[in-house]
Amino acid sequence: MNAGASNKPTIICVGLSALDYIWQADRLPDPVLSKVRARQFVTAGGGMAATAAVTVARLGGDAHFWGRAGDDTAGHIMHDELAAEGVDVDGFRLFDGARSSVSGVFVDGEGERHIINFRGHGLPDEAGWVPLEKIASAAAVLSDPRWPDGTEAAFTAARRAGVPTVLDAEVADADVFERLLPLTDHAIFSQPALAGFAGPDIDAALKRIEKTYDCGVSAVTLGERGVEWREGNEPHRLPAFAVTVIDTNGAGDVFHGAYAFALGTGMKIRKAIGFASAAAALKCARPAGRGGIPTFDDITAFQRTTA
């Protein structure tokens, strides 16, 4: 029996871990005024799958992160921070001679973030070392598109074990999606990623994902416009929660982590999307990247008071 029947689902998150250098300022530099004073500066772990894993742990799940980084200062900071959050990092390998992924994150006065990312260097593509035997006891496997070999290996093992797969479909090359979507049960795109891969017409794009790749759920997150998805050949939509936005950094990663956790606890799709939307909204209303990730009690209380 999969762990999804328990109250503490095991969720395996595969993909990117990056060290974020986060500046918060009232506005960003423009060509005329090239210097702006920051109100806040934080160094913290980031990356889509890694932040999703922290979200799962914060919600009370058994979170595992599988990924790659360099055996450098950034890699050790990320590894130790994930472990301190309660994430199992046995599948997070630091490679000698490689350089870790790092990002410069700039958050403006409206809470919108702008990112410059260095993907790392010398990180091997192959994934033969990941502990695939753990997947059979997981409730869900989540991945982003930043490590296709790792995602393909994990999703293939998940399909064999009957474990649902969730793809955080952020902007990537078309061949990456062509490779991963046939192994994906729940494909959740950002709007730019969906438009770039399947066209700007949202319903037509989601229908294409659903039909072409046989995804059980094809969805797109639309920020303040909520979430649209297709399930069982039918379109669905949920509006966003209204909050005062302070920092959107990591909100999409939190959504995906909360969604995978919700699936692991046995929630139906609409309820899982509502739960994940509430988690992302609360994150947007709080500063400091991962420091703003809510707990399970935070989310359920927020849903009760905003229903």
Protein backbone atom coordinates (compact mmCIF):
# COMPACT_ATOMS: atom_id res chain seq x y z
CA MET A 1 0.00 0.00 0.00
CA ASN A 2 1.32 3.44 -0.90
CA ALA A 3 1.98 6.01 1.82
CA GLY A 4 -0.87 8.14 0.50
CA ALA A 5 -3.19 6.29 2.89
CA SER A 6 -1.33 7.74 5.88
CA ASN A 7 -1.44 11.18 7.44
CA LYS A 8 2.26 11.69 6.72
CA PRO A 9 2.71 10.96 3.02
CA THR A 10 6.14 10.31 1.60
CA ILE A 11 6.79 12.73 -1.27
CA ILE A 12 9.96 12.47 -3.37
CA CYS A 13 11.01 15.72 -5.08
CA VAL A 14 13.51 15.55 -7.93
CA GLY A 15 15.31 18.40 -9.69
CA LEU A 16 16.77 21.80 -9.01
CA SER A 17 18.34 23.18 -5.86
CA ALA A 18 19.80 26.68 -6.15
CA LEU A 19 21.27 29.06 -3.62
CA ASP A 20 19.33 32.33 -3.79
CA TYR A 21 20.75 35.76 -3.08
CA ILE A 22 17.59 37.79 -2.50
CA TRP A 23 17.37 41.58 -2.60
CA GLN A 24 14.16 43.42 -1.71
CA ALA A 25 13.80 47.03 -2.85
CA ASP A 26 11.01 49.51 -3.48
CA ARG A 27 11.88 49.46 -7.16
CA LEU A 28 14.47 47.97 -9.47
CA PRO A 29 17.22 49.90 -11.24
CA ASP A 30 16.39 51.56 -14.55
CA PRO A 31 18.73 52.76 -17.33
CA VAL A 32 18.80 56.30 -15.90
CA LEU A 33 19.23 55.48 -12.20
CA SER A 34 21.44 52.39 -12.19
CA LYS A 35 21.73 52.07 -8.41
CA VAL A 36 18.92 51.37 -5.94
CA ARG A 37 19.22 50.80 -2.20
CA ALA A 38 17.86 47.45 -0.99
CA ARG A 39 15.55 47.28 2.04
CA GLN A 40 16.49 43.70 2.80
CA PHE A 41 19.03 41.07 1.75
CA VAL A 42 18.82 37.34 2.43
CA THR A 43 20.84 34.31 1.37
CA ALA A 44 18.70 31.18 1.33
CA GLY A 45 18.15 27.91 -0.47
CA GLY A 46 15.87 27.96 -3.51
CA GLY A 47 15.10 25.94 -6.61
CA MET A 48 11.78 24.49 -7.69
CA ALA A 49 11.94 20.88 -6.48
CA ALA A 50 14.02 21.74 -3.41
CA THR A 51 11.56 24.40 -2.27
CA ALA A 52 8.68 22.00 -2.96
CA ALA A 53 10.41 19.49 -0.67
CA VAL A 54 10.69 22.10 2.10
CA THR A 55 6.98 22.81 1.62
CA VAL A 56 6.13 19.12 2.05
CA ALA A 57 8.20 18.99 5.24
CA ARG A 58 6.63 22.19 6.58
CA LEU A 59 3.19 20.68 5.97
CA GLY A 60 4.07 17.59 7.97
CA GLY A 61 4.96 15.20 5.16
CA ASP A 62 7.94 12.88 4.82
CA ALA A 63 9.92 14.90 2.27
CA HIS A 64 12.83 13.58 0.20
CA PHE A 65 14.95 15.65 -2.20
CA TRP A 66 16.98 14.09 -4.99
CA GLY A 67 19.25 16.46 -6.89
CA ARG A 68 22.75 17.59 -7.74
CA ALA A 69 25.05 20.39 -6.63
CA GLY A 70 28.74 21.10 -6.47
CA ASP A 71 30.91 20.14 -3.54
CA ASP A 72 31.34 23.86 -2.92
CA THR A 73 30.21 26.42 -0.36
CA ALA A 74 26.80 26.90 -2.00
CA GLY A 75 26.23 23.15 -2.22
CA HIS A 76 26.96 22.60 1.46
CA ILE A 77 24.74 25.53 2.50
CA MET A 78 21.83 24.09 0.49
CA HIS A 79 22.40 20.55 1.76
CA ASP A 80 22.56 21.62 5.40
CA GLU A 81 19.55 23.94 5.10
CA LEU A 82 17.36 21.21 3.58
CA ALA A 83 18.40 18.79 6.31
CA ALA A 84 17.61 21.40 8.98
CA GLU A 85 14.12 21.74 7.48
CA GLY A 86 13.55 18.02 8.00
CA VAL A 87 14.05 17.00 4.36
CA ASP A 88 15.73 13.65 3.72
CA VAL A 89 18.83 14.51 1.65
CA ASP A 90 20.25 11.01 1.08
CA GLY A 91 19.53 11.51 -2.64
CA PHE A 92 21.11 14.99 -2.82
CA ARG A 93 24.65 14.47 -4.09
CA LEU A 94 27.46 17.03 -4.06
CA PHE A 95 29.95 16.45 -6.89
CA ASP A 96 33.64 17.23 -6.57
CA GLY A 97 34.84 19.80 -9.09
CA ALA A 98 31.30 20.91 -10.04
CA ARG A 99 29.75 24.31 -9.40
CA SER A 100 26.33 24.69 -7.79
CA SER A 101 23.38 26.57 -9.24
CA VAL A 102 22.97 30.08 -7.79
CA SER A 103 20.40 32.81 -8.42
CA GLY A 104 20.14 36.54 -7.97
CA VAL A 105 16.53 37.27 -6.95
CA PHE A 106 15.23 40.84 -6.97
CA VAL A 107 11.86 41.54 -5.33
CA ASP A 108 10.27 44.93 -6.08
CA GLY A 109 7.82 47.00 -4.08
CA GLU A 110 4.84 45.18 -5.61
CA GLY A 111 6.15 41.81 -4.48
CA GLU A 112 7.09 40.66 -7.98
CA ARG A 113 10.38 38.81 -8.32
CA HIS A 114 12.94 38.93 -11.10
CA ILE A 115 15.52 36.15 -11.29
CA ILE A 116 18.93 35.71 -12.89
CA ASN A 117 20.03 32.09 -12.57
CA PHE A 118 23.33 30.30 -13.12
CA ARG A 119 22.42 26.63 -13.67
CA GLY A 120 25.73 25.32 -12.38
CA HIS A 121 28.65 23.68 -14.16
CA GLY A 122 30.08 20.18 -14.27
CA LEU A 123 26.98 18.51 -12.84
CA PRO A 124 26.53 15.04 -14.39
CA ASP A 125 23.30 14.32 -16.26
CA GLU A 126 23.14 10.61 -15.46
CA ALA A 127 21.01 9.49 -12.54
CA GLY A 128 22.14 5.91 -11.92
CA TRP A 129 22.97 6.68 -8.31
CA VAL A 130 19.50 7.81 -7.13
CA PRO A 131 17.72 5.38 -4.72
CA LEU A 132 14.86 4.40 -7.04
CA GLU A 133 13.85 1.54 -4.73
CA LYS A 134 12.32 4.13 -2.37
CA ILE A 135 9.69 5.15 -4.92
CA ALA A 136 7.48 2.10 -4.37
CA SER A 137 6.68 3.31 -0.83
CA ALA A 138 6.04 6.94 -1.84
CA ALA A 139 2.67 8.64 -2.14
CA ALA A 140 3.78 10.85 -5.05
CA VAL A 141 6.87 11.87 -7.02
CA LEU A 142 7.26 15.53 -7.98
CA SER A 143 9.84 16.91 -10.36
CA ASP A 144 10.78 20.03 -12.26
CA PRO A 145 12.29 20.04 -15.79
CA ARG A 146 15.82 21.07 -14.77
CA TRP A 147 17.27 17.54 -14.52
CA PRO A 148 15.58 15.51 -17.29
CA ASP A 149 17.62 12.33 -16.71
CA GLY A 150 16.74 12.29 -13.02
CA THR A 151 13.09 13.04 -13.69
CA GLU A 152 12.82 10.37 -16.38
CA ALA A 153 14.36 7.75 -14.11
CA ALA A 154 12.13 8.65 -11.16
CA PHE A 155 8.92 8.98 -13.20
CA THR A 156 9.56 5.68 -15.00
CA ALA A 157 10.00 3.91 -11.67
CA ALA A 158 6.87 5.63 -10.34
CA ARG A 159 4.81 4.44 -13.30
CA ARG A 160 5.94 0.87 -12.69
CA ALA A 161 5.00 1.16 -9.01
CA GLY A 162 1.66 2.87 -9.62
CA VAL A 163 2.80 6.05 -7.83
CA PRO A 164 1.39 9.34 -9.22
CA THR A 165 3.80 11.79 -10.84
CA VAL A 166 3.57 15.59 -10.69
CA LEU A 167 5.53 17.78 -13.11
CA ASP A 168 6.28 21.39 -12.16
CA ALA A 169 6.23 22.46 -15.80
CA GLU A 170 8.19 25.69 -15.72
CA VAL A 171 9.72 27.16 -18.90
CA ALA A 172 11.93 24.58 -20.64
CA ASP A 173 12.90 23.46 -24.12
CA ALA A 174 10.17 21.65 -26.04
CA ASP A 175 12.20 18.44 -26.26
CA VAL A 176 12.32 18.26 -22.46
CA PHE A 177 8.52 18.35 -22.25
CA GLU A 178 8.22 15.85 -25.10
CA ARG A 179 10.41 13.52 -23.07
CA LEU A 180 8.75 13.96 -19.66
CA LEU A 181 5.05 14.51 -20.32
CA PRO A 182 4.36 10.90 -21.44
CA LEU A 183 5.45 9.85 -17.93
CA THR A 184 3.44 12.58 -16.16
CA ASP A 185 0.08 12.09 -14.42
CA HIS A 186 -0.36 15.70 -13.22
CA ALA A 187 1.20 18.35 -15.47
CA ILE A 188 1.00 21.80 -13.86
CA PHE A 189 2.39 24.59 -16.04
CA SER A 190 3.20 28.21 -15.40
CA GLN A 191 1.44 30.45 -17.93
CA PRO A 192 4.65 31.38 -19.84
CA ALA A 193 5.67 27.71 -20.03
CA LEU A 194 2.26 26.60 -21.32
CA ALA A 195 2.10 29.38 -23.92
CA GLY A 196 5.64 28.68 -25.09
CA PHE A 197 5.06 24.96 -25.47
CA ALA A 198 1.41 24.57 -26.50
CA GLY A 199 0.20 28.04 -27.54
CA PRO A 200 -1.51 31.04 -25.91
CA ASP A 201 -5.08 29.68 -25.98
CA ILE A 202 -5.25 28.17 -22.49
CA ASP A 203 -8.10 25.70 -23.00
CA ALA A 204 -6.73 24.50 -26.34
CA ALA A 205 -3.24 24.15 -24.85
CA LEU A 206 -4.46 22.19 -21.83
CA LYS A 207 -6.58 19.99 -24.09
CA ARG A 208 -3.51 19.29 -26.23
CA ILE A 209 -1.50 18.26 -23.14
CA GLU A 210 -4.34 16.06 -21.92
CA LYS A 211 -4.96 14.33 -25.25
CA THR A 212 -1.45 14.07 -26.69
CA TYR A 213 0.33 12.88 -23.56
CA ASP A 214 -2.54 11.18 -21.69
CA CYS A 215 -2.01 13.31 -18.57
CA GLY A 216 -4.77 12.72 -16.04
CA VAL A 217 -4.62 16.40 -15.05
CA SER A 218 -3.31 19.23 -17.20
CA ALA A 219 -3.26 22.57 -15.40
CA VAL A 220 -1.89 26.10 -15.48
CA THR A 221 -1.34 28.52 -12.61
CA LEU A 222 -2.34 32.09 -13.48
CA GLY A 223 -1.32 34.11 -10.44
CA GLU A 224 -4.10 36.44 -9.30
CA ARG A 225 -6.41 34.87 -11.92
CA GLY A 226 -6.35 31.50 -10.19
CA VAL A 227 -5.88 28.03 -11.69
CA GLU A 228 -7.40 26.39 -14.76
CA TRP A 229 -7.19 22.67 -15.44
CA ARG A 230 -8.62 19.78 -17.39
CA GLU A 231 -9.55 16.49 -15.77
CA GLY A 232 -11.63 13.69 -17.24
CA ASN A 233 -11.98 15.60 -20.54
CA GLU A 234 -13.64 18.50 -18.72
CA PRO A 235 -12.38 22.06 -18.06
CA HIS A 236 -12.31 23.44 -14.51
CA ARG A 237 -11.31 26.67 -12.82
CA LEU A 238 -10.70 27.98 -9.31
CA PRO A 239 -10.21 31.69 -8.55
CA ALA A 240 -7.20 32.86 -6.59
CA PHE A 241 -7.34 33.84 -2.93
CA ALA A 242 -7.17 37.61 -2.43
CA VAL A 243 -4.13 38.62 -0.35
CA THR A 244 -1.85 41.62 -0.05
CA VAL A 245 1.20 40.54 -2.03
CA ILE A 246 4.58 41.08 -0.38
CA ASP A 247 6.84 38.53 -2.07
CA THR A 248 5.94 36.12 -4.89
CA ASN A 249 9.34 34.43 -4.83
CA GLY A 250 8.84 30.66 -4.55
CA ALA A 251 5.04 30.80 -4.70
CA GLY A 252 4.85 28.41 -7.65
CA ASP A 253 7.22 25.95 -5.96
CA VAL A 254 5.08 26.08 -2.81
CA PHE A 255 1.96 25.43 -4.91
CA HIS A 256 3.47 22.30 -6.44
CA GLY A 257 4.80 20.98 -3.14
CA ALA A 258 1.45 21.53 -1.43
CA TYR A 259 -0.38 19.93 -4.35
CA ALA A 260 1.79 16.79 -4.22
CA PHE A 261 1.33 16.63 -0.44
CA ALA A 262 -2.44 16.99 -0.82
CA LEU A 263 -2.54 14.17 -3.38
CA GLY A 264 -0.52 12.06 -0.97
CA THR A 265 -3.11 12.53 1.77
CA GLY A 266 -5.86 11.36 -0.59
CA MET A 267 -7.47 14.69 -1.48
CA LYS A 268 -9.49 14.85 -4.70
CA ILE A 269 -8.15 17.11 -7.45
CA ARG A 270 -10.34 20.17 -6.82
CA LYS A 271 -9.65 20.08 -3.10
CA ALA A 272 -5.92 19.56 -3.70
CA ILE A 273 -5.79 22.55 -6.05
CA GLY A 274 -7.65 24.68 -3.52
CA PHE A 275 -5.25 23.60 -0.77
CA ALA A 276 -2.21 24.36 -2.97
CA SER A 277 -3.68 27.72 -4.01
CA ALA A 278 -4.15 28.70 -0.37
CA ALA A 279 -0.56 27.68 0.39
CA ALA A 280 0.79 29.80 -2.48
CA ALA A 281 -1.39 32.78 -1.49
CA LEU A 282 -0.11 32.69 2.08
CA LYS A 283 3.46 32.49 0.77
CA CYS A 284 2.86 35.60 -1.36
CA ALA A 285 1.60 37.49 1.69
CA ARG A 286 4.84 36.83 3.58
CA PRO A 287 8.44 37.93 2.95
CA ALA A 288 11.75 36.07 2.98
CA GLY A 289 11.40 33.28 0.43
CA ARG A 290 11.14 29.90 2.19
CA GLY A 291 10.65 31.64 5.51
CA GLY A 292 7.11 32.43 4.36
CA ILE A 293 6.07 28.82 3.61
CA PRO A 294 2.93 28.10 5.68
CA THR A 295 2.17 25.11 7.87
CA PHE A 296 -0.79 22.78 7.43
CA ASP A 297 -2.67 24.54 10.26
CA ASP A 298 -1.96 27.94 8.67
CA ILE A 299 -3.55 26.79 5.43
CA THR A 300 -6.64 25.16 6.90
CA ALA A 301 -7.28 28.19 9.13
CA PHE A 302 -6.86 30.51 6.14
CA GLN A 303 -9.29 28.44 4.06
CA ARG A 304 -11.89 28.50 6.84
CA THR A 305 -11.71 32.27 7.26
CA THR A 306 -11.76 33.07 3.53
CA ALA A 307 -14.42 30.58 2.41
